[in-house]
Amino acid sequence: MTLRLILIRHAKSSWSDPFADDHARVLNKRGRASAEAIGKWMAKHAYLPDVVLCSDAVRTQETAELILPQLSPTPKLRLSPMLYHAAPDTIVDMLHREDAGAIAIIGHNPGIGMMANGLVSSAPNHHRFSDYPTCATTIIDFDIAGWGDMQRGQGRAVDFVVPRDLIGTAGPDTD
């Protein structure tokens, strides 16, 4: 059986208020355009999750709200405070409890990028994979019976994209 994992780092967020609570930071203009572009890319390639596990931070929720409407059928969205700046081990523990065949996770660096790098048997041929910029998205397939069987280095990187590949530099970094 093949299980699919889609790892998405949240889109570019605003730093217009350097004293704002990190958990409450919103997406900036470029981030909103990036998230929509990733959703369209996922739909075009039929990278369709059954469920989306998402950090409960505002910027990850906004990323999900812009990606999910592009997908049909719309996957179930589950917010989790455990995914806020989660380490790869925490994310793996959450996956072990899942039974869906295709799962997307929207989270934060460094955890989401470390997880992508640790799960694939060989990295995709893309110069941004190792640093996993905002809204970077990796599609990883596993030939396993269930998520509890997932091992480090066992996944096959099917695809990887960053928003710049899709839309270039759409707008400034600020609002």
N, C-alpha and C. Protein backbone atom coordinates (compact mmCIF):
# COMPACT_ATOMS: atom_id res chain seq x y z
N MET A 1 0.85 -1.18 0.00
CA MET A 1 0.00 0.00 0.00
C MET A 1 0.89 1.25 0.00
N THR A 2 0.48 2.26 -0.73
CA THR A 2 1.23 3.51 -0.76
C THR A 2 0.49 4.58 0.01
N LEU A 3 1.19 5.16 0.96
CA LEU A 3 0.67 6.29 1.73
C LEU A 3 1.38 7.55 1.27
N ARG A 4 0.66 8.66 1.25
CA ARG A 4 1.23 9.93 0.79
C ARG A 4 1.23 10.95 1.91
N LEU A 5 2.39 11.60 2.07
CA LEU A 5 2.55 12.68 3.04
C LEU A 5 2.91 13.96 2.27
N ILE A 6 2.21 15.03 2.58
CA ILE A 6 2.46 16.33 1.96
C ILE A 6 2.88 17.28 3.08
N LEU A 7 4.13 17.74 3.03
CA LEU A 7 4.66 18.61 4.07
C LEU A 7 4.74 20.04 3.53
N ILE A 8 4.02 20.96 4.20
CA ILE A 8 3.93 22.34 3.76
C ILE A 8 4.38 23.26 4.90
N ARG A 9 5.36 24.09 4.60
CA ARG A 9 5.69 25.14 5.57
C ARG A 9 4.72 26.29 5.34
N HIS A 10 4.30 26.95 6.41
CA HIS A 10 3.38 28.09 6.27
C HIS A 10 3.94 29.12 5.29
N ALA A 11 3.05 29.92 4.71
CA ALA A 11 3.44 30.96 3.78
C ALA A 11 4.08 32.14 4.53
N LYS A 12 4.64 33.05 3.77
CA LYS A 12 5.36 34.21 4.30
C LYS A 12 4.45 35.07 5.17
N SER A 13 4.93 35.33 6.38
CA SER A 13 4.12 36.11 7.32
C SER A 13 4.66 37.53 7.47
N SER A 14 3.84 38.36 8.04
CA SER A 14 4.15 39.77 8.21
C SER A 14 4.99 39.99 9.46
N TRP A 15 5.98 40.86 9.31
CA TRP A 15 6.78 41.31 10.44
C TRP A 15 6.58 42.80 10.65
N SER A 16 5.40 43.32 10.21
CA SER A 16 5.15 44.76 10.30
C SER A 16 5.15 45.26 11.75
N ASP A 17 4.81 44.38 12.68
CA ASP A 17 4.85 44.73 14.10
C ASP A 17 5.84 43.79 14.79
N PRO A 18 7.08 44.24 15.00
CA PRO A 18 8.09 43.36 15.58
C PRO A 18 7.79 42.92 17.02
N PHE A 19 6.82 43.56 17.66
CA PHE A 19 6.48 43.20 19.03
C PHE A 19 5.22 42.34 19.12
N ALA A 20 4.65 42.00 17.96
CA ALA A 20 3.43 41.18 17.94
C ALA A 20 3.74 39.77 18.44
N ASP A 21 2.74 39.15 19.00
CA ASP A 21 2.85 37.77 19.45
C ASP A 21 3.12 36.87 18.25
N ASP A 22 4.14 36.03 18.32
CA ASP A 22 4.52 35.16 17.21
C ASP A 22 3.36 34.27 16.76
N HIS A 23 2.63 33.74 17.69
CA HIS A 23 1.53 32.84 17.39
C HIS A 23 0.43 33.55 16.59
N ALA A 24 0.32 34.86 16.73
CA ALA A 24 -0.75 35.64 16.10
C ALA A 24 -0.33 36.32 14.79
N ARG A 25 0.92 36.11 14.35
CA ARG A 25 1.36 36.77 13.11
C ARG A 25 0.52 36.31 11.92
N VAL A 26 0.17 37.25 11.04
CA VAL A 26 -0.66 36.97 9.86
C VAL A 26 0.23 36.90 8.62
N LEU A 27 -0.34 36.41 7.53
CA LEU A 27 0.38 36.36 6.26
C LEU A 27 0.48 37.75 5.65
N ASN A 28 1.56 37.99 4.93
CA ASN A 28 1.66 39.23 4.18
C ASN A 28 1.13 38.99 2.76
N LYS A 29 1.20 40.01 1.93
CA LYS A 29 0.64 39.92 0.57
C LYS A 29 1.30 38.79 -0.23
N ARG A 30 2.61 38.72 -0.18
CA ARG A 30 3.32 37.65 -0.89
C ARG A 30 2.94 36.28 -0.36
N GLY A 31 2.76 36.17 0.95
CA GLY A 31 2.37 34.91 1.56
C GLY A 31 1.00 34.45 1.09
N ARG A 32 0.06 35.37 0.99
CA ARG A 32 -1.27 35.01 0.52
C ARG A 32 -1.22 34.53 -0.93
N ALA A 33 -0.47 35.22 -1.78
CA ALA A 33 -0.33 34.81 -3.19
C ALA A 33 0.36 33.45 -3.28
N SER A 34 1.34 33.23 -2.43
CA SER A 34 2.08 31.96 -2.42
C SER A 34 1.19 30.78 -2.04
N ALA A 35 0.41 30.96 -0.98
CA ALA A 35 -0.46 29.88 -0.53
C ALA A 35 -1.49 29.52 -1.60
N GLU A 36 -2.07 30.52 -2.24
CA GLU A 36 -3.02 30.25 -3.33
C GLU A 36 -2.35 29.50 -4.47
N ALA A 37 -1.13 29.89 -4.80
CA ALA A 37 -0.39 29.23 -5.89
C ALA A 37 -0.09 27.77 -5.54
N ILE A 38 0.25 27.51 -4.29
CA ILE A 38 0.53 26.13 -3.87
C ILE A 38 -0.75 25.30 -3.97
N GLY A 39 -1.87 25.86 -3.56
CA GLY A 39 -3.14 25.14 -3.67
C GLY A 39 -3.47 24.80 -5.11
N LYS A 40 -3.27 25.73 -6.01
CA LYS A 40 -3.54 25.48 -7.44
C LYS A 40 -2.58 24.42 -7.98
N TRP A 41 -1.32 24.48 -7.58
CA TRP A 41 -0.32 23.48 -8.00
C TRP A 41 -0.71 22.09 -7.50
N MET A 42 -1.13 22.00 -6.24
CA MET A 42 -1.56 20.71 -5.68
C MET A 42 -2.75 20.16 -6.47
N ALA A 43 -3.73 21.01 -6.76
CA ALA A 43 -4.92 20.58 -7.50
C ALA A 43 -4.53 20.12 -8.91
N LYS A 44 -3.70 20.89 -9.57
CA LYS A 44 -3.28 20.57 -10.94
C LYS A 44 -2.62 19.19 -11.03
N HIS A 45 -1.84 18.85 -10.02
CA HIS A 45 -1.11 17.58 -10.01
C HIS A 45 -1.83 16.48 -9.24
N ALA A 46 -3.04 16.76 -8.79
CA ALA A 46 -3.85 15.81 -8.02
C ALA A 46 -3.14 15.34 -6.75
N TYR A 47 -2.45 16.26 -6.09
CA TYR A 47 -1.85 15.99 -4.78
C TYR A 47 -2.91 16.35 -3.74
N LEU A 48 -3.82 15.43 -3.52
CA LEU A 48 -5.01 15.70 -2.73
C LEU A 48 -5.00 14.93 -1.41
N PRO A 49 -4.81 15.64 -0.30
CA PRO A 49 -4.86 14.96 1.00
C PRO A 49 -6.29 14.65 1.42
N ASP A 50 -6.43 13.60 2.22
CA ASP A 50 -7.72 13.29 2.84
C ASP A 50 -7.95 14.18 4.05
N VAL A 51 -6.86 14.48 4.74
CA VAL A 51 -6.91 15.27 5.96
C VAL A 51 -5.70 16.20 5.98
N VAL A 52 -5.89 17.38 6.58
CA VAL A 52 -4.80 18.33 6.76
C VAL A 52 -4.65 18.57 8.26
N LEU A 53 -3.47 18.25 8.77
CA LEU A 53 -3.13 18.56 10.16
C LEU A 53 -2.38 19.88 10.13
N CYS A 54 -2.84 20.83 10.93
CA CYS A 54 -2.32 22.20 10.83
C CYS A 54 -2.05 22.77 12.20
N SER A 55 -0.92 23.42 12.35
CA SER A 55 -0.63 24.18 13.57
C SER A 55 -1.75 25.18 13.80
N ASP A 56 -2.00 25.51 15.05
CA ASP A 56 -3.06 26.46 15.34
C ASP A 56 -2.60 27.91 15.30
N ALA A 57 -1.37 28.17 14.87
CA ALA A 57 -0.91 29.55 14.71
C ALA A 57 -1.72 30.22 13.59
N VAL A 58 -1.89 31.52 13.68
CA VAL A 58 -2.70 32.24 12.70
C VAL A 58 -2.13 32.07 11.29
N ARG A 59 -0.80 32.17 11.12
CA ARG A 59 -0.22 32.10 9.78
C ARG A 59 -0.38 30.73 9.14
N THR A 60 -0.38 29.66 9.92
CA THR A 60 -0.60 28.33 9.34
C THR A 60 -2.07 28.15 8.99
N GLN A 61 -2.96 28.65 9.85
CA GLN A 61 -4.40 28.57 9.54
C GLN A 61 -4.74 29.35 8.28
N GLU A 62 -4.15 30.54 8.14
CA GLU A 62 -4.39 31.33 6.93
C GLU A 62 -3.85 30.60 5.69
N THR A 63 -2.70 29.97 5.83
CA THR A 63 -2.13 29.19 4.72
C THR A 63 -3.12 28.10 4.31
N ALA A 64 -3.64 27.38 5.29
CA ALA A 64 -4.62 26.32 5.01
C ALA A 64 -5.88 26.90 4.35
N GLU A 65 -6.36 28.02 4.86
CA GLU A 65 -7.58 28.63 4.33
C GLU A 65 -7.44 29.07 2.87
N LEU A 66 -6.20 29.30 2.42
CA LEU A 66 -5.97 29.69 1.03
C LEU A 66 -5.68 28.49 0.13
N ILE A 67 -5.15 27.42 0.69
CA ILE A 67 -4.84 26.21 -0.09
C ILE A 67 -6.08 25.34 -0.26
N LEU A 68 -6.80 25.08 0.83
CA LEU A 68 -7.89 24.10 0.80
C LEU A 68 -9.00 24.38 -0.20
N PRO A 69 -9.43 25.62 -0.41
CA PRO A 69 -10.50 25.84 -1.40
C PRO A 69 -10.10 25.47 -2.83
N GLN A 70 -8.81 25.35 -3.09
CA GLN A 70 -8.34 24.98 -4.43
C GLN A 70 -8.51 23.47 -4.67
N LEU A 71 -8.69 22.70 -3.60
CA LEU A 71 -8.68 21.24 -3.69
C LEU A 71 -10.11 20.68 -3.69
N SER A 72 -10.31 19.66 -4.51
CA SER A 72 -11.62 19.02 -4.57
C SER A 72 -11.44 17.50 -4.65
N PRO A 73 -12.02 16.79 -3.71
CA PRO A 73 -12.85 17.29 -2.61
C PRO A 73 -12.00 18.01 -1.57
N THR A 74 -12.62 18.92 -0.85
CA THR A 74 -11.92 19.66 0.19
C THR A 74 -11.59 18.71 1.34
N PRO A 75 -10.30 18.64 1.71
CA PRO A 75 -9.93 17.74 2.81
C PRO A 75 -10.40 18.27 4.16
N LYS A 76 -10.48 17.36 5.12
CA LYS A 76 -10.81 17.74 6.49
C LYS A 76 -9.61 18.49 7.07
N LEU A 77 -9.88 19.56 7.80
CA LEU A 77 -8.85 20.35 8.45
C LEU A 77 -8.92 20.12 9.95
N ARG A 78 -7.78 19.76 10.53
CA ARG A 78 -7.70 19.59 11.98
C ARG A 78 -6.56 20.44 12.52
N LEU A 79 -6.92 21.39 13.38
CA LEU A 79 -5.93 22.27 13.99
C LEU A 79 -5.36 21.60 15.24
N SER A 80 -4.06 21.82 15.46
CA SER A 80 -3.43 21.24 16.64
C SER A 80 -2.39 22.18 17.22
N PRO A 81 -2.54 22.53 18.50
CA PRO A 81 -1.50 23.33 19.15
C PRO A 81 -0.17 22.58 19.24
N MET A 82 -0.21 21.25 19.18
CA MET A 82 1.02 20.46 19.24
C MET A 82 1.93 20.70 18.04
N LEU A 83 1.36 21.17 16.92
CA LEU A 83 2.16 21.41 15.71
C LEU A 83 2.83 22.78 15.69
N TYR A 84 2.52 23.63 16.66
CA TYR A 84 3.14 24.95 16.72
C TYR A 84 4.61 24.78 17.07
N HIS A 85 5.48 25.04 16.11
CA HIS A 85 6.94 24.87 16.24
C HIS A 85 7.32 23.46 16.69
N ALA A 86 6.61 22.47 16.20
CA ALA A 86 6.85 21.07 16.60
C ALA A 86 8.15 20.53 16.03
N ALA A 87 8.80 19.71 16.82
CA ALA A 87 9.99 18.97 16.37
C ALA A 87 9.52 17.80 15.51
N PRO A 88 10.39 17.27 14.65
CA PRO A 88 10.00 16.14 13.80
C PRO A 88 9.43 14.96 14.60
N ASP A 89 9.98 14.65 15.76
CA ASP A 89 9.48 13.53 16.55
C ASP A 89 8.03 13.73 16.96
N THR A 90 7.66 14.95 17.30
CA THR A 90 6.26 15.25 17.66
C THR A 90 5.35 15.04 16.47
N ILE A 91 5.79 15.49 15.29
CA ILE A 91 4.99 15.34 14.08
C ILE A 91 4.83 13.85 13.74
N VAL A 92 5.90 13.09 13.85
CA VAL A 92 5.85 11.65 13.58
C VAL A 92 4.89 10.97 14.55
N ASP A 93 4.95 11.33 15.83
CA ASP A 93 4.03 10.76 16.82
C ASP A 93 2.58 11.02 16.44
N MET A 94 2.30 12.21 15.94
CA MET A 94 0.93 12.53 15.52
C MET A 94 0.54 11.69 14.31
N LEU A 95 1.45 11.53 13.37
CA LEU A 95 1.17 10.73 12.17
C LEU A 95 0.88 9.27 12.52
N HIS A 96 1.58 8.74 13.50
CA HIS A 96 1.40 7.34 13.90
C HIS A 96 -0.04 7.06 14.34
N ARG A 97 -0.77 8.10 14.74
CA ARG A 97 -2.16 7.93 15.20
C ARG A 97 -3.18 8.08 14.07
N GLU A 98 -2.70 8.36 12.87
CA GLU A 98 -3.59 8.61 11.74
C GLU A 98 -3.84 7.35 10.93
N ASP A 99 -4.97 7.32 10.22
CA ASP A 99 -5.26 6.17 9.35
C ASP A 99 -5.61 6.58 7.92
N ALA A 100 -5.61 7.88 7.62
CA ALA A 100 -5.90 8.35 6.26
C ALA A 100 -4.75 7.96 5.33
N GLY A 101 -5.07 7.75 4.08
CA GLY A 101 -4.05 7.36 3.10
C GLY A 101 -3.19 8.50 2.60
N ALA A 102 -3.73 9.72 2.64
CA ALA A 102 -2.99 10.90 2.20
C ALA A 102 -3.19 12.01 3.23
N ILE A 103 -2.08 12.46 3.80
CA ILE A 103 -2.13 13.45 4.87
C ILE A 103 -1.22 14.62 4.52
N ALA A 104 -1.73 15.83 4.70
CA ALA A 104 -0.91 17.03 4.58
C ALA A 104 -0.70 17.60 5.97
N ILE A 105 0.50 18.14 6.18
CA ILE A 105 0.81 18.80 7.45
C ILE A 105 1.28 20.21 7.12
N ILE A 106 0.68 21.20 7.75
CA ILE A 106 1.10 22.58 7.59
C ILE A 106 1.72 23.02 8.91
N GLY A 107 3.01 23.29 8.87
CA GLY A 107 3.72 23.61 10.10
C GLY A 107 4.80 24.65 9.90
N HIS A 108 5.77 24.60 10.78
CA HIS A 108 6.80 25.64 10.90
C HIS A 108 8.20 25.03 10.76
N ASN A 109 9.13 25.89 10.36
CA ASN A 109 10.53 25.50 10.43
C ASN A 109 11.04 25.82 11.83
N PRO A 110 12.03 25.10 12.32
CA PRO A 110 12.82 24.13 11.56
C PRO A 110 12.22 22.73 11.46
N GLY A 111 11.19 22.45 12.24
CA GLY A 111 10.65 21.08 12.33
C GLY A 111 10.17 20.49 11.02
N ILE A 112 9.39 21.26 10.24
CA ILE A 112 8.79 20.71 9.02
C ILE A 112 9.88 20.45 7.98
N GLY A 113 10.86 21.34 7.87
CA GLY A 113 11.97 21.13 6.93
C GLY A 113 12.86 19.98 7.35
N MET A 114 13.13 19.88 8.65
CA MET A 114 13.94 18.77 9.15
C MET A 114 13.23 17.45 8.89
N MET A 115 11.93 17.43 9.07
CA MET A 115 11.18 16.21 8.84
C MET A 115 11.25 15.80 7.37
N ALA A 116 11.04 16.75 6.46
CA ALA A 116 11.12 16.46 5.02
C ALA A 116 12.50 15.89 4.67
N ASN A 117 13.54 16.53 5.16
CA ASN A 117 14.90 16.09 4.87
C ASN A 117 15.19 14.71 5.47
N GLY A 118 14.62 14.42 6.62
CA GLY A 118 14.89 13.15 7.29
C GLY A 118 14.10 11.97 6.74
N LEU A 119 12.94 12.23 6.13
CA LEU A 119 12.08 11.13 5.70
C LEU A 119 12.41 10.59 4.31
N VAL A 120 12.99 11.41 3.44
CA VAL A 120 13.21 10.97 2.07
C VAL A 120 14.51 10.17 1.92
N SER A 121 14.46 9.15 1.05
CA SER A 121 15.64 8.34 0.79
C SER A 121 16.67 9.13 0.00
N SER A 122 16.21 10.02 -0.87
CA SER A 122 17.13 10.94 -1.55
C SER A 122 16.37 12.25 -1.80
N ALA A 123 17.09 13.33 -1.59
CA ALA A 123 16.48 14.66 -1.69
C ALA A 123 16.14 14.98 -3.13
N PRO A 124 15.06 15.72 -3.34
CA PRO A 124 14.73 16.17 -4.69
C PRO A 124 15.83 17.10 -5.22
N ASN A 125 15.94 17.15 -6.52
CA ASN A 125 16.97 17.98 -7.15
C ASN A 125 16.47 19.43 -7.22
N HIS A 126 16.54 20.10 -6.08
CA HIS A 126 16.11 21.49 -5.99
C HIS A 126 17.00 22.18 -4.96
N HIS A 127 17.55 23.32 -5.33
CA HIS A 127 18.51 24.00 -4.44
C HIS A 127 17.89 24.55 -3.16
N ARG A 128 16.57 24.62 -3.05
CA ARG A 128 15.95 25.15 -1.84
C ARG A 128 15.43 24.07 -0.88
N PHE A 129 15.57 22.81 -1.24
CA PHE A 129 15.01 21.75 -0.39
C PHE A 129 15.65 21.75 1.01
N SER A 130 16.94 21.93 1.10
CA SER A 130 17.61 21.82 2.40
C SER A 130 17.24 22.94 3.36
N ASP A 131 16.92 24.14 2.85
CA ASP A 131 16.56 25.23 3.76
C ASP A 131 15.05 25.44 3.88
N TYR A 132 14.26 24.80 3.06
CA TYR A 132 12.79 24.75 3.17
C TYR A 132 12.18 26.13 3.42
N PRO A 133 12.17 26.99 2.40
CA PRO A 133 11.63 28.35 2.59
C PRO A 133 10.12 28.35 2.81
N THR A 134 9.57 29.53 3.07
CA THR A 134 8.13 29.64 3.34
C THR A 134 7.31 29.07 2.18
N CYS A 135 6.31 28.32 2.54
CA CYS A 135 5.35 27.65 1.65
C CYS A 135 5.99 26.55 0.78
N ALA A 136 7.22 26.17 1.09
CA ALA A 136 7.83 25.02 0.42
C ALA A 136 6.92 23.82 0.67
N THR A 137 6.77 22.97 -0.35
CA THR A 137 5.87 21.83 -0.26
C THR A 137 6.54 20.60 -0.86
N THR A 138 6.56 19.52 -0.10
CA THR A 138 7.13 18.25 -0.56
C THR A 138 6.04 17.19 -0.56
N ILE A 139 6.02 16.40 -1.62
CA ILE A 139 5.12 15.26 -1.73
C ILE A 139 5.99 14.03 -1.54
N ILE A 140 5.67 13.23 -0.53
CA ILE A 140 6.48 12.05 -0.19
C ILE A 140 5.58 10.82 -0.16
N ASP A 141 5.96 9.78 -0.90
CA ASP A 141 5.22 8.51 -0.88
C ASP A 141 5.98 7.46 -0.09
N PHE A 142 5.22 6.64 0.62
CA PHE A 142 5.76 5.54 1.42
C PHE A 142 5.05 4.25 1.03
N ASP A 143 5.80 3.20 0.77
CA ASP A 143 5.23 1.89 0.50
C ASP A 143 5.19 1.11 1.81
N ILE A 144 4.19 1.44 2.61
CA ILE A 144 4.04 0.85 3.95
C ILE A 144 2.57 0.55 4.19
N ALA A 145 2.29 -0.29 5.17
CA ALA A 145 0.91 -0.68 5.48
C ALA A 145 0.17 0.39 6.28
N GLY A 146 0.89 1.13 7.11
CA GLY A 146 0.27 2.15 7.95
C GLY A 146 1.31 3.13 8.43
N TRP A 147 0.85 4.29 8.92
CA TRP A 147 1.78 5.33 9.35
C TRP A 147 2.68 4.88 10.48
N GLY A 148 2.25 3.93 11.27
CA GLY A 148 3.09 3.41 12.35
C GLY A 148 4.32 2.69 11.85
N ASP A 149 4.33 2.30 10.56
CA ASP A 149 5.48 1.61 9.96
C ASP A 149 6.49 2.57 9.34
N MET A 150 6.20 3.86 9.34
CA MET A 150 7.06 4.85 8.69
C MET A 150 8.42 4.93 9.38
N GLN A 151 9.47 4.92 8.57
CA GLN A 151 10.84 4.98 9.08
C GLN A 151 11.59 6.15 8.42
N ARG A 152 12.61 6.60 9.09
CA ARG A 152 13.49 7.65 8.57
C ARG A 152 14.14 7.17 7.27
N GLY A 153 14.21 8.04 6.26
CA GLY A 153 14.88 7.72 5.01
C GLY A 153 14.14 6.74 4.12
N GLN A 154 12.90 6.46 4.43
CA GLN A 154 12.13 5.44 3.72
C GLN A 154 11.22 6.02 2.63
N GLY A 155 10.98 7.31 2.68
CA GLY A 155 10.05 7.94 1.75
C GLY A 155 10.69 8.27 0.41
N ARG A 156 9.84 8.28 -0.61
CA ARG A 156 10.28 8.65 -1.96
C ARG A 156 9.75 10.05 -2.26
N ALA A 157 10.66 10.99 -2.50
CA ALA A 157 10.26 12.35 -2.85
C ALA A 157 9.67 12.35 -4.25
N VAL A 158 8.37 12.55 -4.33
CA VAL A 158 7.65 12.56 -5.61
C VAL A 158 7.78 13.94 -6.27
N ASP A 159 7.71 15.00 -5.46
CA ASP A 159 7.75 16.35 -6.00
C ASP A 159 8.12 17.32 -4.89
N PHE A 160 8.64 18.45 -5.29
CA PHE A 160 8.98 19.53 -4.36
C PHE A 160 8.86 20.84 -5.12
N VAL A 161 8.25 21.84 -4.47
CA VAL A 161 8.11 23.14 -5.11
C VAL A 161 8.16 24.24 -4.06
N VAL A 162 8.62 25.39 -4.48
CA VAL A 162 8.54 26.60 -3.67
C VAL A 162 7.73 27.61 -4.48
N PRO A 163 7.07 28.55 -3.83
CA PRO A 163 6.23 29.51 -4.56
C PRO A 163 6.96 30.25 -5.67
N ARG A 164 8.22 30.56 -5.49
CA ARG A 164 8.98 31.29 -6.51
C ARG A 164 9.00 30.51 -7.83
N ASP A 165 8.96 29.17 -7.75
CA ASP A 165 8.91 28.35 -8.97
C ASP A 165 7.61 28.57 -9.73
N LEU A 166 6.56 28.92 -9.01
CA LEU A 166 5.22 29.04 -9.60
C LEU A 166 4.85 30.46 -10.00
N ILE A 167 5.22 31.43 -9.15
CA ILE A 167 4.77 32.80 -9.39
C ILE A 167 5.90 33.82 -9.35
N GLY A 168 7.13 33.38 -9.23
CA GLY A 168 8.23 34.34 -9.12
C GLY A 168 8.15 35.09 -7.82
N THR A 169 8.47 36.35 -7.86
CA THR A 169 8.41 37.18 -6.66
C THR A 169 7.18 38.07 -6.76
N ALA A 170 6.05 37.50 -6.37
CA ALA A 170 4.76 38.22 -6.49
C ALA A 170 4.59 39.18 -5.33
N GLY A 171 5.01 40.39 -5.55
CA GLY A 171 4.79 41.41 -4.54
C GLY A 171 5.91 41.52 -3.54
N PRO A 172 5.88 42.54 -2.76
CA PRO A 172 6.93 42.78 -1.76
C PRO A 172 6.78 41.86 -0.56
N ASP A 173 7.81 41.83 0.26
CA ASP A 173 7.80 41.00 1.46
C ASP A 173 6.90 41.55 2.54
N THR A 174 6.47 42.79 2.42
CA THR A 174 5.63 43.38 3.46
C THR A 174 4.21 43.56 2.95
N ASP A 175 3.33 43.97 3.83
CA ASP A 175 1.91 44.14 3.47
C ASP A 175 1.67 45.26 2.50
